[in-house]
Protein backbone atom coordinates (compact mmCIF):
# COMPACT_ATOMS: atom_id res chain seq x y z
CA UNK A 1 -31.09 54.40 -3.96
CA UNK A 2 -28.74 56.30 -6.31
CA UNK A 3 -31.18 55.78 -9.19
CA UNK A 4 -33.93 57.51 -7.22
CA UNK A 5 -31.61 60.38 -6.34
CA UNK A 6 -30.75 60.86 -10.04
CA UNK A 7 -34.42 60.86 -10.99
CA UNK A 8 -35.46 63.41 -8.37
CA UNK A 9 -32.47 65.65 -9.12
CA UNK A 10 -33.40 65.55 -12.80
CA UNK A 11 -36.96 66.55 -11.94
CA UNK A 12 -35.84 69.41 -9.69
CA UNK A 13 -34.97 71.82 -12.52
CA UNK A 14 -37.48 74.00 -14.38
CA UNK A 15 -35.75 73.63 -17.75
CA UNK A 16 -35.75 69.86 -17.50
CA UNK A 17 -39.43 69.89 -16.58
CA UNK A 18 -40.11 72.06 -19.63
CA UNK A 19 -38.23 69.57 -21.80
CA UNK A 20 -40.27 66.70 -20.40
CA UNK A 21 -43.44 68.66 -21.09
CA UNK A 22 -42.35 69.14 -24.70
CA UNK A 23 -41.55 65.46 -25.07
CA UNK A 24 -44.94 64.53 -23.69
CA UNK A 25 -46.32 65.42 -27.14
CA UNK A 26 -43.92 63.01 -28.83
CA UNK A 27 -40.42 62.56 -30.15
CA UNK A 28 -38.42 65.71 -30.96
CA UNK A 29 -34.98 66.40 -32.33
CA UNK A 30 -32.59 68.61 -30.40
CA UNK A 31 -33.11 71.49 -32.84
CA UNK A 32 -36.86 71.50 -32.12
CA UNK A 33 -36.25 71.57 -28.37
CA UNK A 34 -33.74 74.41 -28.77
CA UNK A 35 -36.24 76.39 -30.82
CA UNK A 36 -39.13 75.79 -28.42
CA UNK A 37 -37.12 76.76 -25.35
CA UNK A 38 -35.23 79.59 -27.05
CA UNK A 39 -31.98 78.36 -25.50
CA UNK A 40 -28.53 77.63 -26.87
CA UNK A 41 -27.63 74.10 -27.92
CA UNK A 42 -24.98 73.36 -25.24
CA UNK A 43 -27.39 74.25 -22.44
CA UNK A 44 -30.19 72.11 -23.88
CA UNK A 45 -27.78 69.21 -24.46
CA UNK A 46 -26.59 69.48 -20.85
CA UNK A 47 -30.16 69.15 -19.54
CA UNK A 48 -30.98 66.33 -21.97
CA UNK A 49 -27.91 64.43 -20.76
CA UNK A 50 -29.11 64.68 -17.16
CA UNK A 51 -32.59 63.46 -18.15
CA UNK A 52 -31.07 60.62 -20.14
CA UNK A 53 -28.72 59.65 -17.30
CA UNK A 54 -31.72 59.49 -14.97
CA UNK A 55 -33.48 57.20 -17.43
CA UNK A 56 -36.30 59.65 -18.08
CA UNK A 57 -35.64 60.14 -21.80
CA UNK A 58 -34.29 57.92 -24.53
CA UNK A 59 -32.67 58.68 -27.86
CA UNK A 60 -33.02 57.43 -31.39
CA UNK A 61 -30.40 58.26 -33.99
CA UNK A 62 -31.19 58.68 -37.66
CA UNK A 63 -28.13 59.69 -39.60
CA UNK A 64 -26.75 62.77 -37.90
CA UNK A 65 -30.11 63.56 -36.26
CA UNK A 66 -30.75 62.65 -32.62
CA UNK A 67 -34.36 62.35 -31.54
CA UNK A 68 -35.44 62.40 -27.90
CA UNK A 69 -38.59 60.91 -26.40
CA UNK A 70 -39.87 60.01 -22.96
CA UNK A 71 -38.53 56.69 -21.76
CA UNK A 72 -41.61 55.11 -20.31
CA UNK A 73 -40.30 51.54 -20.36
CA UNK A 74 -40.23 51.25 -16.54
CA UNK A 75 -43.70 51.50 -14.93
CA UNK A 76 -42.43 53.49 -11.92
CA UNK A 77 -40.68 56.08 -14.09
CA UNK A 78 -43.68 56.30 -16.42
CA UNK A 79 -46.00 56.94 -13.46
CA UNK A 80 -43.60 59.48 -11.97
CA UNK A 81 -43.17 61.40 -15.24
CA UNK A 82 -46.91 61.50 -15.89
CA UNK A 83 -47.61 62.58 -12.31
CA UNK A 84 -45.11 65.43 -12.50
CA UNK A 85 -46.27 66.59 -15.94
CA UNK A 86 -49.88 66.56 -14.80
CA UNK A 87 -48.98 69.09 -12.09
CA UNK A 88 -47.36 71.55 -14.49
CA UNK A 89 -49.61 74.46 -15.37
CA UNK A 90 -51.19 74.59 -18.81
CA UNK A 91 -49.75 78.09 -19.21
CA UNK A 92 -46.35 76.46 -19.67
CA UNK A 93 -47.68 74.61 -22.71
CA UNK A 94 -49.23 77.81 -24.05
CA UNK A 95 -45.93 79.66 -23.62
CA UNK A 96 -44.06 77.04 -25.60
CA UNK A 97 -46.53 76.32 -28.38
CA UNK A 98 -48.89 79.26 -28.75
CA UNK A 99 -46.68 82.33 -28.53
CA UNK A 100 -45.09 82.09 -31.92
CA UNK A 101 -42.24 79.78 -30.96
CA UNK A 102 -42.34 77.38 -33.90
CA UNK A 103 -41.31 73.79 -33.64
CA UNK A 104 -39.15 73.05 -36.64
CA UNK A 105 -39.95 70.14 -38.88
CA UNK A 106 -37.09 67.88 -39.84
CA UNK A 107 -37.93 68.16 -43.54
CA UNK A 108 -37.72 71.97 -43.41
CA UNK A 109 -34.35 71.80 -41.64
CA UNK A 110 -32.98 69.31 -44.18
CA UNK A 111 -34.06 71.57 -47.06
CA UNK A 112 -32.13 74.48 -45.57
CA UNK A 113 -29.00 72.34 -45.10
CA UNK A 114 -29.13 71.03 -48.66
CA UNK A 115 -29.17 74.54 -50.17
């Protein structure tokens, strides 16, 4: 029962729904999510932790980079995530991807750090 409560609480926030919508397109690092949402890192990390605790997203570490993706390993969660994302308006996607909010590429970020 507690698992279901965590899942529905995680899905009850607009920012977390926006993050899930971003991750629907594939794996992203935290910096890309921050850029797309135009939010500060602590706030994004807070929401990602809630999504991860609910089992809706998973992480992959590569060096100091942390990549997030949808955790669709459980059929119920996969169905729930897809059902919720299907209900989100397409305008949300346009706001995030078509209004000049660039998604950073890891290679570009690495180049900046190396300089």
